[in-house]
Amino acid sequence: MGNYLKMTDKRRVLALLELGWTYRRIERETGVRRETIARYDPRRESKAANLSVGLNAAHGPPGLAEPYREQIEAGLCQGLTAQRIWQDLCEDPAVCYPHSYASVRRYVRRLKHAHPKLVDVMEHPPGEEAQVDFFQGPPTFDEAQGRWRRPWIFRMTLSCSKHGYEEPLWTQERDGLLRAHEHAFVRFQGVPKIVRHDNLKAAVVRACLYDPDVSEVYAAFATHWGFVPLPSRPRHPQENGVAERSGGYVKSNALKGRRFNSLQELAEFLERWNRTVAQLRIHGTTRQQVLKHFLEVDQPALQSLPSEPFGLFHVGTRSVHPDGHIEVDGAFYSVPHTLVGELVRAQWDGHLVRIYTIGTDGARQAIAVHLAVKAGTYSTKPEHRPLHRPARQQAYEAILLGKIEHIGPQTLAWAQAAIADRGVRAYRLLQGLISLTRSHPRERVEWACGYTLGYRLFRYRILRRLLEQAAAHEPVPELLHEHAVIRDLRVYAELA
C-alpha cells in the first residue's frame, strides 16, 4: 500500500493503535508497513533535532571526542578519514572508544574548520602556458553515418589572457588532436612555452602521479613546435582549472540548446562566436577585455612559429614473423632474418616505413627503410634473406627444382622449360611431376620428360598417360623357381 492511507484504512489503524497493538502486529493484520503506521500514531513524539550537527564546528561545545584529540589529529596527519579514525579508536584496546562514529565525524569537522587548509594561487605569466581539454559538444548531424551525434570540442586556452581557440572533432584520435594544436598556434600567431593537458589518451601513454609516459609522437610534435607538454596530476582538476572553466563557458554560452546540421556548420559558428562574443567580453578574473589583453600582453610573449608544419607519423612495436617480415597497416616489410621472433620498433607515415631495433638500454638502431606499399603486399629486400633461402616465390621454386634434379637431367630441363613457359602456374605442375615418382620408376619418368620436352608438351595428363602406357607394355618378368640361392621347399618342411 502507499504511504498515504485511504480514510477507511486510516480509521482502522487508529483504532488498533488505541487498543495498544504494536506496529508489527498491526502490519501483520492490515498489511500496512510499520513506517506508515508510525506516521499516523498520535502517541509518537518527533525526535529532537541533532543541534550539534548544525552548530558552527569551530565554536561549538568540545564534544565527546575531545579527550581523544591527540589520536584523532595523528590520524588526520596520516590522511585517514573520520570513519577510519573511529574504527582505529574502537579497535585499540588501550582506548576502547565508547561513543558513536558521529561524534568523531563532528570533531574532525571542527578541527578542519579550526585549521583551514591554505591553497596556493597559480600565477600565469604572459606567454607561459596554455591549457588543453576536450568536452562533448551539441547534437550535430554526421553525414557519413547518417545520424545525429555529439562531437568533441577541442579547446586551447591561454592561461594569462584567457584567449582561446575551439575546434570540433568527431574523435579524440592523435592526428586530429595534433592538427588542432597547430591550428590554435597559427590562430594565436605564436606558441606558449608550456601546454598543460588533462592526461589525454592521444598524448599520454601511461598516466602516473609522479612520472607519466608521454606519447612518442606527441613528444616529437612538442619538440618541433617548441613547447613542453605537461600532463596534470591525476585527480587534481585544479591544475587544469583554466581549461575546465573556459570549456564550461563555451558550453553554457555558445552551445547550450543548439543543434547543427554538419560539423562544418558547427566549426563556422564557433569561429564567429569567438570573434564576436568571447574575445570582446570582460573576463571575470582579469577584469580586462580578452582580445585587448591578449594583443597587448600575451601575444608578444609567445614563441615564434616554426617555418614548416609537423610531419605526422605513427609508431608501434612489432614482432618479426617467421618469414622475416613485420606487419604495418596490413602490408609486410622485411627485416634481417636473424631477428625472427624478436621485437622491433616501426615508425611510418604515408611514404616511408623505418624499422629500428630496441636495445636493453632503450637505444635504437636503424635496420631497414622501406617505401610504403599497399595493404596485402610485401616489400622484401634481398639482403635481408639468408643466402640458402631466397625470398618466398624464388625459395619455393628452388625447393621444387632441387627435388626434380634428383630424378634426372632431362626431367630438370623439362621443369625449367615449363617454368619459363607457364610462370608461377607451373609450380603445381612440378608438384604433380614429383608425385609421379611414387608410382613409377625414376628412369621411366626421365624418359617421359625427355620425350615430351622435344615437343614442348608441358601437361601433367600427357606425362601420366605416357607413363601408364609404358608400364602396360612392359613385359612381366618370369619368376624363377630354381636357383642357386633359392632353397627347395622341402627343406623348409623339414625345418618345421
Protein backbone atom coordinates (compact mmCIF):
# COMPACT_ATOMS: atom_id res chain seq x y z
CA MET A 1 0.00 0.00 0.00
CA GLY A 2 1.10 3.62 -0.44
CA ASN A 3 2.44 5.95 2.27
CA TYR A 4 -0.90 7.81 2.32
CA LEU A 5 -3.77 5.63 3.54
CA LYS A 6 -7.34 5.71 2.45
CA MET A 7 -9.79 7.01 5.07
CA THR A 8 -11.10 3.52 5.91
CA ASP A 9 -7.59 2.14 6.38
CA LYS A 10 -6.57 5.17 8.41
CA ARG A 11 -9.50 4.71 10.80
CA ARG A 12 -8.75 1.02 11.21
CA VAL A 13 -5.08 1.72 12.00
CA LEU A 14 -6.00 4.42 14.53
CA ALA A 15 -8.49 2.08 16.20
CA LEU A 16 -5.87 -0.66 16.56
CA LEU A 17 -3.36 1.85 17.92
CA GLU A 18 -5.88 2.86 20.60
CA LEU A 19 -6.11 -0.81 21.59
CA GLY A 20 -2.37 -0.73 22.28
CA TRP A 21 -1.35 -3.05 19.44
CA THR A 22 2.28 -2.95 18.35
CA TYR A 23 3.30 -1.74 14.90
CA ARG A 24 4.41 -5.23 13.91
CA ARG A 25 1.08 -6.78 14.91
CA ILE A 26 -0.88 -4.12 13.01
CA GLU A 27 1.31 -4.71 9.93
CA ARG A 28 0.53 -8.44 10.06
CA GLU A 29 -3.17 -7.75 10.41
CA THR A 30 -3.64 -4.96 7.87
CA GLY A 31 -0.70 -5.21 5.51
CA VAL A 32 0.28 -1.57 6.16
CA ARG A 33 4.02 -1.05 6.63
CA ARG A 34 5.27 -0.11 10.08
CA GLU A 35 6.87 3.11 8.81
CA THR A 36 3.48 4.27 7.53
CA ILE A 37 1.73 3.25 10.79
CA ALA A 38 4.24 5.31 12.78
CA ARG A 39 3.31 8.44 10.82
CA TYR A 40 -0.32 8.12 11.92
CA ASP A 41 0.41 7.27 15.58
CA PRO A 42 -0.77 10.25 17.71
CA ARG A 43 1.27 9.00 20.68
CA ARG A 44 4.56 9.12 18.73
CA GLU A 45 6.72 12.16 19.50
CA SER A 46 9.08 13.52 16.88
CA LYS A 47 12.76 13.25 17.70
CA ALA A 48 14.54 16.38 18.79
CA ALA A 49 16.86 17.84 16.19
CA ASN A 50 20.55 16.97 16.50
CA LEU A 51 21.68 20.51 17.21
CA SER A 52 25.31 19.54 17.43
CA VAL A 53 25.47 18.87 13.70
CA GLY A 54 24.13 22.28 12.85
CA LEU A 55 26.38 24.20 15.23
CA ASN A 56 29.35 26.09 13.98
CA ALA A 57 32.00 23.42 14.15
CA ALA A 58 34.71 25.85 15.09
CA HIS A 59 32.84 27.43 18.05
CA GLY A 60 30.55 24.63 19.32
CA PRO A 61 30.97 22.67 22.55
CA PRO A 62 34.04 20.40 22.86
CA GLY A 63 32.14 17.16 22.18
CA LEU A 64 32.55 13.57 23.27
CA ALA A 65 35.74 13.01 21.23
CA GLU A 66 37.70 15.85 22.92
CA PRO A 67 39.69 13.50 25.26
CA TYR A 68 40.97 11.65 22.18
CA ARG A 69 42.18 14.72 20.32
CA GLU A 70 45.79 13.55 20.10
CA GLN A 71 44.89 10.25 18.40
CA ILE A 72 42.42 11.96 16.04
CA GLU A 73 44.92 14.62 14.97
CA ALA A 74 47.55 11.93 14.37
CA GLY A 75 45.10 10.11 12.09
CA LEU A 76 44.33 13.29 10.17
CA CYS A 77 48.04 13.91 9.62
CA GLN A 78 48.24 10.46 8.01
CA GLY A 79 45.37 11.36 5.67
CA LEU A 80 42.88 8.97 7.29
CA THR A 81 39.14 9.53 7.03
CA ALA A 82 36.89 10.09 10.03
CA GLN A 83 35.44 6.59 9.53
CA ARG A 84 38.91 5.01 9.66
CA ILE A 85 39.92 7.05 12.72
CA TRP A 86 36.78 5.93 14.56
CA GLN A 87 37.45 2.29 13.64
CA ASP A 88 41.03 2.52 14.91
CA LEU A 89 39.88 4.10 18.19
CA CYS A 90 37.35 1.30 18.74
CA GLU A 91 39.84 -1.47 17.93
CA ASP A 92 42.68 -0.07 20.07
CA PRO A 93 42.48 -1.96 23.41
CA ALA A 94 44.20 0.91 25.17
CA VAL A 95 41.45 3.32 24.05
CA CYS A 96 38.23 1.30 23.54
CA TYR A 97 36.35 4.33 22.25
CA PRO A 98 32.81 4.13 23.74
CA HIS A 99 30.96 6.64 21.53
CA SER A 100 29.48 6.56 18.02
CA TYR A 101 31.07 7.39 14.70
CA ALA A 102 29.03 10.63 14.50
CA SER A 103 30.92 12.05 17.50
CA VAL A 104 34.27 11.52 15.73
CA ARG A 105 32.92 12.93 12.48
CA ARG A 106 31.73 16.12 14.21
CA TYR A 107 35.06 16.53 15.96
CA VAL A 108 37.03 16.03 12.73
CA ARG A 109 34.87 18.65 11.04
CA ARG A 110 35.58 21.08 13.85
CA LEU A 111 39.35 20.51 13.63
CA LYS A 112 39.28 21.14 9.91
CA HIS A 113 37.31 24.37 10.40
CA ALA A 114 39.68 25.45 13.14
CA HIS A 115 42.72 24.86 10.89
CA PRO A 116 41.61 25.61 7.32
CA LYS A 117 43.88 24.38 4.54
CA LEU A 118 45.84 27.08 2.74
CA VAL A 119 45.93 26.78 -1.04
CA ASP A 120 48.34 28.45 -3.43
CA VAL A 121 47.40 30.90 -6.15
CA MET A 122 48.52 29.66 -9.59
CA GLU A 123 50.08 32.58 -11.42
CA HIS A 124 50.27 32.59 -15.22
CA PRO A 125 52.89 34.91 -16.73
CA PRO A 126 52.29 36.13 -20.31
CA GLY A 127 53.13 33.58 -22.99
CA GLU A 128 53.98 30.97 -20.39
CA GLU A 129 51.17 28.42 -20.53
CA ALA A 130 48.18 27.19 -22.49
CA GLN A 131 45.74 24.55 -21.25
CA VAL A 132 44.02 21.98 -23.46
CA ASP A 133 40.86 20.00 -22.84
CA PHE A 134 38.09 18.13 -24.66
CA PHE A 135 34.39 18.33 -23.85
CA GLN A 136 31.33 16.93 -25.61
CA GLY A 137 29.55 19.24 -28.00
CA PRO A 138 25.91 19.73 -29.06
CA PRO A 139 23.90 17.35 -31.28
CA THR A 140 25.35 17.51 -34.80
CA PHE A 141 24.35 15.57 -37.89
CA ASP A 142 27.02 13.19 -39.17
CA GLU A 143 26.55 12.91 -42.92
CA ALA A 144 28.93 9.93 -43.18
CA GLN A 145 26.89 7.84 -40.76
CA GLY A 146 23.52 9.43 -41.50
CA ARG A 147 22.63 10.10 -37.86
CA TRP A 148 22.90 12.72 -35.12
CA ARG A 149 25.98 12.54 -32.91
CA ARG A 150 27.73 14.64 -30.28
CA PRO A 151 31.20 15.63 -31.49
CA TRP A 152 34.13 16.51 -29.23
CA ILE A 153 35.12 20.16 -28.87
CA PHE A 154 38.86 20.82 -28.64
CA ARG A 155 39.60 23.92 -26.60
CA MET A 156 43.02 25.55 -26.06
CA THR A 157 43.06 28.50 -23.65
CA LEU A 158 45.98 30.82 -22.93
CA SER A 159 46.24 30.92 -19.15
CA CYS A 160 47.25 34.58 -18.93
CA SER A 161 44.74 36.39 -21.15
CA LYS A 162 42.12 33.59 -21.25
CA HIS A 163 42.00 33.91 -25.04
CA GLY A 164 41.01 30.58 -26.60
CA TYR A 165 40.55 28.53 -29.74
CA GLU A 166 37.82 25.94 -30.35
CA GLU A 167 37.62 23.19 -32.98
CA PRO A 168 35.02 20.38 -33.29
CA LEU A 169 36.23 16.83 -33.96
CA TRP A 170 34.37 13.57 -34.27
CA THR A 171 37.02 11.65 -32.32
CA GLN A 172 39.91 12.30 -29.94
CA GLU A 173 42.42 10.49 -32.15
CA ARG A 174 46.00 11.66 -32.16
CA ASP A 175 46.16 13.08 -35.69
CA GLY A 176 43.14 15.30 -35.11
CA LEU A 177 44.49 16.43 -31.74
CA LEU A 178 47.86 17.44 -33.19
CA ARG A 179 46.31 19.29 -36.12
CA ALA A 180 44.01 21.14 -33.72
CA HIS A 181 47.12 22.20 -31.75
CA GLU A 182 48.66 23.54 -34.95
CA HIS A 183 45.50 25.45 -35.89
CA ALA A 184 45.44 27.04 -32.42
CA PHE A 185 49.10 28.11 -32.65
CA VAL A 186 48.50 29.63 -36.08
CA ARG A 187 45.44 31.47 -34.76
CA PHE A 188 47.46 32.82 -31.81
CA GLN A 189 50.39 33.65 -34.11
CA GLY A 190 52.71 32.14 -31.54
CA VAL A 191 53.45 29.12 -29.33
CA PRO A 192 53.32 29.09 -25.50
CA LYS A 193 56.22 27.61 -23.55
CA ILE A 194 54.06 25.01 -21.79
CA VAL A 195 50.93 23.16 -22.91
CA ARG A 196 49.12 21.56 -20.00
CA HIS A 197 46.53 18.86 -20.65
CA ASP A 198 44.40 16.52 -18.58
CA ASN A 199 46.24 13.25 -19.46
CA LEU A 200 44.68 12.96 -22.91
CA LYS A 201 44.99 9.40 -24.24
CA ALA A 202 46.43 10.66 -27.52
CA ALA A 203 49.22 12.45 -25.63
CA VAL A 204 49.97 10.22 -22.62
CA VAL A 205 50.71 6.50 -22.95
CA ARG A 206 50.51 5.83 -19.19
CA ALA A 207 49.20 8.28 -16.62
CA CYS A 208 51.14 8.42 -13.36
CA LEU A 209 51.13 10.78 -10.40
CA TYR A 210 54.89 11.29 -10.45
CA ASP A 211 56.26 10.11 -13.81
CA PRO A 212 53.73 9.95 -16.69
CA ASP A 213 54.84 8.47 -20.02
CA VAL A 214 54.26 10.99 -22.82
CA SER A 215 53.47 9.57 -26.26
CA GLU A 216 56.49 9.39 -28.54
CA VAL A 217 54.65 11.16 -31.36
CA TYR A 218 53.34 13.90 -29.07
CA ALA A 219 56.84 14.42 -27.64
CA ALA A 220 58.26 14.81 -31.16
CA PHE A 221 55.41 17.19 -32.02
CA ALA A 222 56.19 19.30 -28.92
CA THR A 223 59.88 19.43 -29.83
CA HIS A 224 59.04 20.60 -33.35
CA TRP A 225 56.77 23.41 -32.12
CA GLY A 226 58.98 24.32 -29.16
CA PHE A 227 56.71 23.75 -26.17
CA VAL A 228 56.91 21.48 -23.13
CA PRO A 229 54.00 19.01 -22.75
CA LEU A 230 52.87 18.93 -19.12
CA PRO A 231 50.19 16.40 -18.08
CA SER A 232 48.18 17.33 -15.00
CA ARG A 233 48.37 15.11 -11.96
CA PRO A 234 45.58 12.52 -11.81
CA ARG A 235 42.68 13.60 -9.57
CA HIS A 236 43.95 17.20 -9.39
CA PRO A 237 41.49 19.11 -11.59
CA GLN A 238 42.58 22.43 -10.11
CA GLU A 239 45.83 22.21 -12.13
CA ASN A 240 43.82 22.34 -15.36
CA GLY A 241 41.26 24.78 -13.97
CA VAL A 242 41.61 27.38 -16.72
CA ALA A 243 40.64 24.84 -19.40
CA GLU A 244 37.84 23.39 -17.26
CA ARG A 245 36.32 26.80 -16.62
CA SER A 246 36.70 28.04 -20.20
CA GLY A 247 35.16 24.82 -21.52
CA GLY A 248 32.19 25.34 -19.24
CA TYR A 249 31.84 28.89 -20.54
CA VAL A 250 31.76 27.66 -24.15
CA LYS A 251 29.14 25.02 -23.34
CA SER A 252 26.86 27.36 -21.40
CA ASN A 253 27.21 30.49 -23.53
CA ALA A 254 27.79 29.25 -27.07
CA LEU A 255 26.43 25.73 -27.44
CA LYS A 256 23.69 25.10 -24.91
CA GLY A 257 20.33 24.44 -26.57
CA ARG A 258 21.71 24.48 -30.14
CA ARG A 259 21.83 21.86 -32.91
CA PHE A 260 23.92 21.87 -36.08
CA ASN A 261 23.38 20.19 -39.43
CA SER A 262 27.07 19.43 -40.04
CA LEU A 263 30.47 19.60 -38.38
CA GLN A 264 31.46 22.38 -40.76
CA GLU A 265 28.46 24.46 -39.67
CA LEU A 266 29.45 23.96 -36.02
CA ALA A 267 33.06 25.00 -36.75
CA GLU A 268 31.93 28.16 -38.53
CA PHE A 269 29.59 29.04 -35.67
CA LEU A 270 32.35 28.61 -33.06
CA GLU A 271 34.72 30.79 -35.06
CA ARG A 272 32.09 33.53 -35.38
CA TRP A 273 31.08 33.26 -31.70
CA ASN A 274 34.69 33.51 -30.56
CA ARG A 275 35.26 36.59 -32.69
CA THR A 276 32.06 38.45 -31.76
CA VAL A 277 31.42 37.31 -28.18
CA ALA A 278 34.27 35.52 -26.40
CA GLN A 279 37.05 37.88 -27.45
CA LEU A 280 35.07 41.04 -26.66
CA ARG A 281 33.91 40.08 -23.15
CA ILE A 282 35.38 41.45 -19.94
CA HIS A 283 36.82 38.43 -18.18
CA GLY A 284 35.74 37.96 -14.57
CA THR A 285 39.26 37.13 -13.33
CA THR A 286 41.48 39.55 -15.26
CA ARG A 287 38.85 42.34 -15.35
CA GLN A 288 40.06 43.17 -18.85
CA GLN A 289 38.78 42.64 -22.34
CA VAL A 290 40.09 39.28 -23.54
CA LEU A 291 41.21 40.36 -27.02
CA LYS A 292 42.90 43.55 -25.84
CA HIS A 293 44.70 41.73 -23.03
CA PHE A 294 45.86 39.08 -25.50
CA LEU A 295 47.17 41.55 -28.09
CA GLU A 296 48.91 43.83 -25.58
CA VAL A 297 50.32 41.34 -23.06
CA ASP A 298 50.05 37.67 -24.04
CA GLN A 299 50.82 37.55 -27.76
CA PRO A 300 54.13 39.50 -27.63
CA ALA A 301 55.45 36.93 -25.14
CA LEU A 302 54.61 33.88 -27.28
CA GLN A 303 57.33 31.99 -29.13
CA SER A 304 57.54 32.35 -32.90
CA LEU A 305 56.03 29.73 -35.21
CA PRO A 306 58.33 27.19 -36.96
CA SER A 307 58.92 27.54 -40.68
CA GLU A 308 57.00 24.36 -41.66
CA PRO A 309 54.25 22.18 -40.18
CA PHE A 310 54.94 18.94 -38.32
CA GLY A 311 55.10 15.76 -40.39
CA LEU A 312 52.69 13.33 -38.78
CA PHE A 313 53.88 9.77 -38.29
CA HIS A 314 52.91 6.64 -36.39
CA VAL A 315 54.98 4.37 -34.19
CA GLY A 316 54.49 0.89 -32.83
CA THR A 317 56.23 -2.24 -31.60
CA ARG A 318 56.08 -5.24 -33.91
CA SER A 319 57.11 -8.89 -33.66
CA VAL A 320 59.16 -10.30 -36.55
CA HIS A 321 57.22 -13.13 -38.23
CA PRO A 322 58.86 -16.48 -39.07
CA ASP A 323 59.12 -15.34 -42.70
CA GLY A 324 61.28 -12.38 -41.65
CA HIS A 325 58.63 -9.67 -42.13
CA ILE A 326 56.65 -7.34 -39.87
CA GLU A 327 53.14 -6.08 -40.48
CA VAL A 328 52.38 -2.37 -40.71
CA ASP A 329 48.88 -1.22 -41.75
CA GLY A 330 48.17 -4.54 -43.45
CA ALA A 331 51.38 -4.54 -45.53
CA PHE A 332 54.54 -6.60 -44.84
CA TYR A 333 58.12 -5.32 -44.67
CA SER A 334 61.29 -7.38 -44.37
CA VAL A 335 63.98 -7.14 -41.70
CA PRO A 336 67.25 -9.12 -41.35
CA HIS A 337 66.42 -12.82 -40.94
CA THR A 338 68.45 -13.00 -37.72
CA LEU A 339 65.70 -11.02 -35.94
CA VAL A 340 62.95 -13.64 -36.42
CA GLY A 341 60.87 -13.78 -33.22
CA GLU A 342 62.33 -10.52 -31.85
CA LEU A 343 60.51 -7.24 -31.13
CA VAL A 344 61.36 -4.22 -33.28
CA ARG A 345 60.11 -0.64 -33.36
CA ALA A 346 58.44 0.70 -36.50
CA GLN A 347 57.87 4.33 -37.48
CA TRP A 348 55.83 5.09 -40.57
CA ASP A 349 53.95 7.77 -42.45
CA GLY A 350 52.35 7.90 -45.89
CA HIS A 351 55.69 7.50 -47.70
CA LEU A 352 58.31 5.62 -45.68
CA VAL A 353 58.48 2.82 -43.11
CA ARG A 354 61.51 2.94 -40.80
CA ILE A 355 62.37 -0.04 -38.60
CA TYR A 356 64.64 0.04 -35.53
CA THR A 357 65.98 -2.49 -33.08
CA ILE A 358 65.19 -2.00 -29.39
CA GLY A 359 68.24 -2.15 -27.11
CA THR A 360 68.19 -3.12 -23.45
CA ASP A 361 69.02 0.47 -22.54
CA GLY A 362 66.25 1.84 -24.75
CA ALA A 363 68.65 2.93 -27.50
CA ARG A 364 67.56 2.37 -31.09
CA GLN A 365 69.46 1.45 -34.22
CA ALA A 366 68.01 1.75 -37.72
CA ILE A 367 67.96 -1.59 -39.55
CA ALA A 368 65.66 -1.02 -42.54
CA VAL A 369 63.88 1.67 -44.54
CA HIS A 370 61.10 0.74 -46.99
CA LEU A 371 58.86 2.67 -49.32
CA ALA A 372 55.27 2.28 -48.14
CA VAL A 373 53.30 -0.31 -50.12
CA LYS A 374 49.58 -1.02 -50.23
CA ALA A 375 47.92 -3.43 -47.81
CA GLY A 376 48.30 -7.12 -48.61
CA THR A 377 51.63 -6.76 -50.46
CA TYR A 378 55.24 -7.44 -49.49
CA SER A 379 58.32 -5.26 -49.55
CA THR A 380 61.34 -7.59 -49.33
CA LYS A 381 64.99 -6.62 -49.56
CA PRO A 382 67.26 -9.41 -50.89
CA GLU A 383 69.96 -8.67 -48.31
CA HIS A 384 67.53 -9.48 -45.51
CA ARG A 385 67.16 -13.12 -46.64
CA PRO A 386 69.70 -15.90 -45.85
CA LEU A 387 71.82 -16.96 -48.82
CA HIS A 388 70.46 -20.51 -48.82
CA ARG A 389 66.81 -19.39 -48.68
CA PRO A 390 65.76 -16.61 -51.08
CA ALA A 391 62.50 -14.77 -50.66
CA ARG A 392 59.16 -16.59 -50.92
CA GLN A 393 58.43 -17.38 -54.61
CA GLN A 394 62.08 -17.87 -55.51
CA ALA A 395 62.58 -20.03 -52.44
CA TYR A 396 59.67 -22.31 -53.31
CA GLU A 397 60.83 -22.61 -56.92
CA ALA A 398 64.33 -23.53 -55.79
CA ILE A 399 62.95 -26.23 -53.46
CA LEU A 400 60.92 -27.82 -56.29
CA LEU A 401 63.82 -27.78 -58.76
CA GLY A 402 66.12 -29.24 -56.13
CA LYS A 403 63.82 -32.27 -55.74
CA ILE A 404 63.40 -32.66 -59.51
CA GLU A 405 67.17 -32.56 -60.07
CA HIS A 406 67.47 -35.90 -58.26
CA ILE A 407 65.22 -37.54 -60.89
CA GLY A 408 67.47 -36.74 -63.84
CA PRO A 409 68.83 -34.05 -66.17
CA GLN A 410 66.03 -34.47 -68.75
CA THR A 411 63.42 -34.02 -66.04
CA LEU A 412 65.18 -30.89 -64.71
CA ALA A 413 65.34 -29.40 -68.20
CA TRP A 414 61.65 -30.17 -68.70
CA ALA A 415 60.79 -28.45 -65.39
CA GLN A 416 62.85 -25.34 -66.16
CA ALA A 417 61.27 -25.06 -69.61
CA ALA A 418 57.80 -25.43 -68.03
CA ILE A 419 58.53 -22.54 -65.62
CA ALA A 420 59.76 -20.37 -68.48
CA ASP A 421 56.63 -21.16 -70.47
CA ARG A 422 53.93 -21.02 -67.78
CA GLY A 423 55.44 -18.93 -64.95
CA VAL A 424 54.11 -19.43 -61.44
CA ARG A 425 51.29 -21.63 -62.77
CA ALA A 426 53.94 -24.31 -63.40
CA TYR A 427 54.57 -24.83 -59.68
CA ARG A 428 51.56 -27.11 -59.25
CA LEU A 429 52.61 -28.97 -62.43
CA LEU A 430 56.03 -29.60 -60.88
CA GLN A 431 54.34 -30.89 -57.74
CA GLY A 432 52.44 -33.38 -59.92
CA LEU A 433 55.69 -34.37 -61.66
CA ILE A 434 57.31 -35.18 -58.32
CA SER A 435 54.25 -37.18 -57.24
CA LEU A 436 54.63 -39.44 -60.33
CA THR A 437 57.86 -40.84 -58.92
CA ARG A 438 55.85 -42.51 -56.16
CA SER A 439 54.17 -44.90 -58.63
CA HIS A 440 56.73 -45.04 -61.47
CA PRO A 441 60.49 -45.60 -61.59
CA ARG A 442 62.64 -42.54 -61.97
CA GLU A 443 64.14 -43.87 -65.17
CA ARG A 444 60.72 -44.06 -66.75
CA VAL A 445 59.83 -40.52 -65.60
CA GLU A 446 63.16 -39.32 -67.02
CA TRP A 447 62.32 -40.95 -70.39
CA ALA A 448 58.82 -39.41 -70.48
CA CYS A 449 60.12 -35.89 -69.71
CA GLY A 450 62.81 -36.19 -72.37
CA TYR A 451 60.26 -37.34 -74.92
CA THR A 452 57.73 -34.54 -74.23
CA LEU A 453 60.43 -31.86 -73.95
CA GLY A 454 61.16 -32.18 -77.69
CA TYR A 455 57.52 -31.40 -78.46
CA ARG A 456 57.29 -28.76 -75.65
CA LEU A 457 54.31 -30.53 -74.12
CA PHE A 458 54.07 -29.28 -70.53
CA ARG A 459 50.91 -31.03 -69.35
CA TYR A 460 50.57 -33.34 -66.38
CA ARG A 461 47.95 -35.60 -68.02
CA ILE A 462 50.23 -36.25 -71.01
CA LEU A 463 53.09 -37.31 -68.75
CA ARG A 464 50.85 -39.58 -66.73
CA ARG A 465 49.35 -41.21 -69.85
CA LEU A 466 52.81 -41.91 -71.30
CA LEU A 467 53.97 -43.47 -68.04
CA GLU A 468 50.84 -45.62 -67.73
CA GLN A 469 51.18 -46.85 -71.34
CA ALA A 470 54.86 -47.65 -70.83
CA ALA A 471 54.01 -49.58 -67.70
CA ALA A 472 51.27 -51.56 -69.55
CA HIS A 473 53.59 -52.60 -72.44
CA GLU A 474 56.49 -53.53 -70.25
CA PRO A 475 56.94 -57.35 -70.22
CA VAL A 476 56.13 -59.04 -66.95
CA PRO A 477 59.27 -60.79 -65.66
CA GLU A 478 59.01 -64.59 -65.11
CA LEU A 479 59.56 -65.86 -61.64
CA LEU A 480 62.40 -68.35 -61.12
CA HIS A 481 61.54 -71.46 -59.19
CA GLU A 482 65.01 -72.97 -59.14
CA HIS A 483 68.21 -71.04 -58.44
CA ALA A 484 71.39 -71.47 -56.51
CA VAL A 485 70.25 -69.01 -53.86
CA ILE A 486 66.71 -70.46 -53.62
CA ARG A 487 66.19 -73.33 -51.24
CA ASP A 488 63.94 -76.24 -52.04
CA LEU A 489 60.55 -76.07 -50.34
CA ARG A 490 61.14 -79.50 -48.83
CA VAL A 491 63.96 -78.01 -46.80
CA TYR A 492 61.53 -75.64 -45.11
CA ALA A 493 59.20 -78.57 -44.43
CA GLU A 494 61.96 -80.50 -42.69
CA LEU A 495 62.91 -77.48 -40.60
CA ALA A 496 59.32 -77.12 -39.46
